[in-house]
């Protein structure tokens, strides 16, 4: 998702021309960090708003990322932590 986000948003000139819009996906490192923060839902609408103001269909990118990361990846991480905890206890 991070690599796809860089290619999708990096070179796009947004209508509102915010510095904030290019702040989130200017490099691969920034996109991975910002998507990880979005995974924790700490800045849920902040990362989406500049792209959403430009084109409403960009919401699909963020919606798919949130669904995959929160409902699949989060449960996978939690299951792994719980399994390790049960192994340590026994």
C-alpha atoms as a PDB file:
ATOM      1  CA  UNK A   1       0.000   0.000   0.000  1.00  0.00           C
ATOM      2  CA  UNK A   2       2.861   2.374   0.758  1.00  0.00           C
ATOM      3  CA  UNK A   3       4.519   1.908  -2.618  1.00  0.00           C
ATOM      4  CA  UNK A   4       1.201   2.200  -4.411  1.00  0.00           C
ATOM      5  CA  UNK A   5       0.406   5.361  -2.438  1.00  0.00           C
ATOM      6  CA  UNK A   6       3.685   6.988  -3.466  1.00  0.00           C
ATOM      7  CA  UNK A   7       3.061   6.261  -7.128  1.00  0.00           C
ATOM      8  CA  UNK A   8      -0.561   7.364  -6.880  1.00  0.00           C
ATOM      9  CA  UNK A   9      -0.134  10.617  -4.937  1.00  0.00           C
ATOM     10  CA  UNK A  10       3.488  11.776  -5.315  1.00  0.00           C
ATOM     11  CA  UNK A  11       3.420  13.407  -8.743  1.00  0.00           C
ATOM     12  CA  UNK A  12      -0.215  14.427  -8.653  1.00  0.00           C
ATOM     13  CA  UNK A  13      -0.826  18.156  -8.478  1.00  0.00           C
ATOM     14  CA  UNK A  14      -3.756  18.501  -6.159  1.00  0.00           C
ATOM     15  CA  UNK A  15      -6.389  21.146  -6.788  1.00  0.00           C
ATOM     16  CA  UNK A  16      -5.921  22.848  -3.438  1.00  0.00           C
ATOM     17  CA  UNK A  17      -2.099  22.632  -3.741  1.00  0.00           C
ATOM     18  CA  UNK A  18      -1.544  22.043  -0.031  1.00  0.00           C
ATOM     19  CA  UNK A  19       1.907  21.359   1.309  1.00  0.00           C
ATOM     20  CA  UNK A  20       0.074  18.946   3.579  1.00  0.00           C
ATOM     21  CA  UNK A  21      -1.005  16.877   0.580  1.00  0.00           C
ATOM     22  CA  UNK A  22       2.553  16.123  -0.517  1.00  0.00           C
ATOM     23  CA  UNK A  23       3.787  15.652   3.034  1.00  0.00           C
ATOM     24  CA  UNK A  24       2.242  12.205   3.468  1.00  0.00           C
ATOM     25  CA  UNK A  25       3.366  10.406   0.305  1.00  0.00           C
ATOM     26  CA  UNK A  26       6.486  12.206  -0.918  1.00  0.00           C
ATOM     27  CA  UNK A  27       8.881   9.287  -0.284  1.00  0.00           C
ATOM     28  CA  UNK A  28       8.569   5.582   0.427  1.00  0.00           C
ATOM     29  CA  UNK A  29       9.676   6.034   4.027  1.00  0.00           C
ATOM     30  CA  UNK A  30       7.146   8.792   4.675  1.00  0.00           C
ATOM     31  CA  UNK A  31       4.350   6.756   3.126  1.00  0.00           C
ATOM     32  CA  UNK A  32       5.164   3.661   5.206  1.00  0.00           C
ATOM     33  CA  UNK A  33       5.363   5.703   8.399  1.00  0.00           C
ATOM     34  CA  UNK A  34       2.140   7.567   7.698  1.00  0.00           C
ATOM     35  CA  UNK A  35       0.264   4.422   6.707  1.00  0.00           C
ATOM     36  CA  UNK A  36       1.464   2.739   9.900  1.00  0.00           C
ATOM     37  CA  UNK A  37       0.128   5.685  11.873  1.00  0.00           C
ATOM     38  CA  UNK A  38      -3.125   5.365   9.923  1.00  0.00           C
ATOM     39  CA  UNK A  39      -3.126   1.651  10.824  1.00  0.00           C
ATOM     40  CA  UNK A  40      -3.146   2.667  14.478  1.00  0.00           C
ATOM     41  CA  UNK A  41      -6.011   5.092  13.623  1.00  0.00           C
ATOM     42  CA  UNK A  42      -4.187   7.916  15.421  1.00  0.00           C
ATOM     43  CA  UNK A  43      -4.572  10.334  12.508  1.00  0.00           C
ATOM     44  CA  UNK A  44      -7.430   8.676  10.689  1.00  0.00           C
ATOM     45  CA  UNK A  45      -8.903  11.534   8.655  1.00  0.00           C
ATOM     46  CA  UNK A  46      -5.777  13.711   8.454  1.00  0.00           C
ATOM     47  CA  UNK A  47      -3.948  11.592   5.921  1.00  0.00           C
ATOM     48  CA  UNK A  48      -7.022  11.121   3.719  1.00  0.00           C
ATOM     49  CA  UNK A  49      -8.436  14.632   3.534  1.00  0.00           C
ATOM     50  CA  UNK A  50      -6.007  16.241   1.021  1.00  0.00           C
ATOM     51  CA  UNK A  51      -6.466  13.438  -1.516  1.00  0.00           C
ATOM     52  CA  UNK A  52     -10.193  13.176  -0.820  1.00  0.00           C
ATOM     53  CA  UNK A  53     -10.687  16.890  -1.506  1.00  0.00           C
ATOM     54  CA  UNK A  54      -9.003  16.470  -4.875  1.00  0.00           C
ATOM     55  CA  UNK A  55     -10.848  13.390  -6.051  1.00  0.00           C
ATOM     56  CA  UNK A  56     -13.506  11.419  -4.213  1.00  0.00           C
ATOM     57  CA  UNK A  57     -12.418   8.092  -5.715  1.00  0.00           C
ATOM     58  CA  UNK A  58      -9.139   8.212  -3.726  1.00  0.00           C
ATOM     59  CA  UNK A  59     -11.268   7.228  -0.753  1.00  0.00           C
ATOM     60  CA  UNK A  60     -11.230   3.670  -2.146  1.00  0.00           C
ATOM     61  CA  UNK A  61      -7.466   3.434  -1.621  1.00  0.00           C
ATOM     62  CA  UNK A  62      -7.779   4.446   2.022  1.00  0.00           C
ATOM     63  CA  UNK A  63     -10.935   2.403   2.658  1.00  0.00           C
ATOM     64  CA  UNK A  64      -9.346  -0.774   1.298  1.00  0.00           C
ATOM     65  CA  UNK A  65      -6.193  -0.116   3.331  1.00  0.00           C
ATOM     66  CA  UNK A  66      -8.157   0.434   6.536  1.00  0.00           C
ATOM     67  CA  UNK A  67     -10.307  -2.663   6.039  1.00  0.00           C
ATOM     68  CA  UNK A  68      -7.325  -4.893   5.251  1.00  0.00           C
ATOM     69  CA  UNK A  69      -5.101  -3.517   7.979  1.00  0.00           C
ATOM     70  CA  UNK A  70      -7.569  -3.223  10.840  1.00  0.00           C
ATOM     71  CA  UNK A  71      -9.728  -6.276  10.226  1.00  0.00           C
ATOM     72  CA  UNK A  72      -7.058  -8.661   8.908  1.00  0.00           C
ATOM     73  CA  UNK A  73      -3.575  -7.546   9.902  1.00  0.00           C
ATOM     74  CA  UNK A  74      -4.562  -6.372  13.369  1.00  0.00           C
ATOM     75  CA  UNK A  75      -6.226  -9.724  14.135  1.00  0.00           C
ATOM     76  CA  UNK A  76      -3.208 -11.591  12.773  1.00  0.00           C
ATOM     77  CA  UNK A  77      -0.831  -9.652  15.020  1.00  0.00           C
ATOM     78  CA  UNK A  78      -3.094 -10.090  18.039  1.00  0.00           C
ATOM     79  CA  UNK A  79      -3.388 -13.846  17.428  1.00  0.00           C
ATOM     80  CA  UNK A  80       0.384 -14.148  17.188  1.00  0.00           C
ATOM     81  CA  UNK A  81       0.903 -12.214  20.433  1.00  0.00           C
ATOM     82  CA  UNK A  82      -1.739 -14.305  22.216  1.00  0.00           C
ATOM     83  CA  UNK A  83      -0.240 -17.558  20.940  1.00  0.00           C
ATOM     84  CA  UNK A  84       3.211 -16.522  22.148  1.00  0.00           C
ATOM     85  CA  UNK A  85       1.734 -15.533  25.510  1.00  0.00           C
ATOM     86  CA  UNK A  86       0.072 -18.954  25.887  1.00  0.00           C
ATOM     87  CA  UNK A  87       3.355 -20.684  25.058  1.00  0.00           C
ATOM     88  CA  UNK A  88       5.241 -18.667  27.659  1.00  0.00           C
ATOM     89  CA  UNK A  89       2.600 -19.362  30.334  1.00  0.00           C
ATOM     90  CA  UNK A  90       2.656 -23.156  29.806  1.00  0.00           C
END
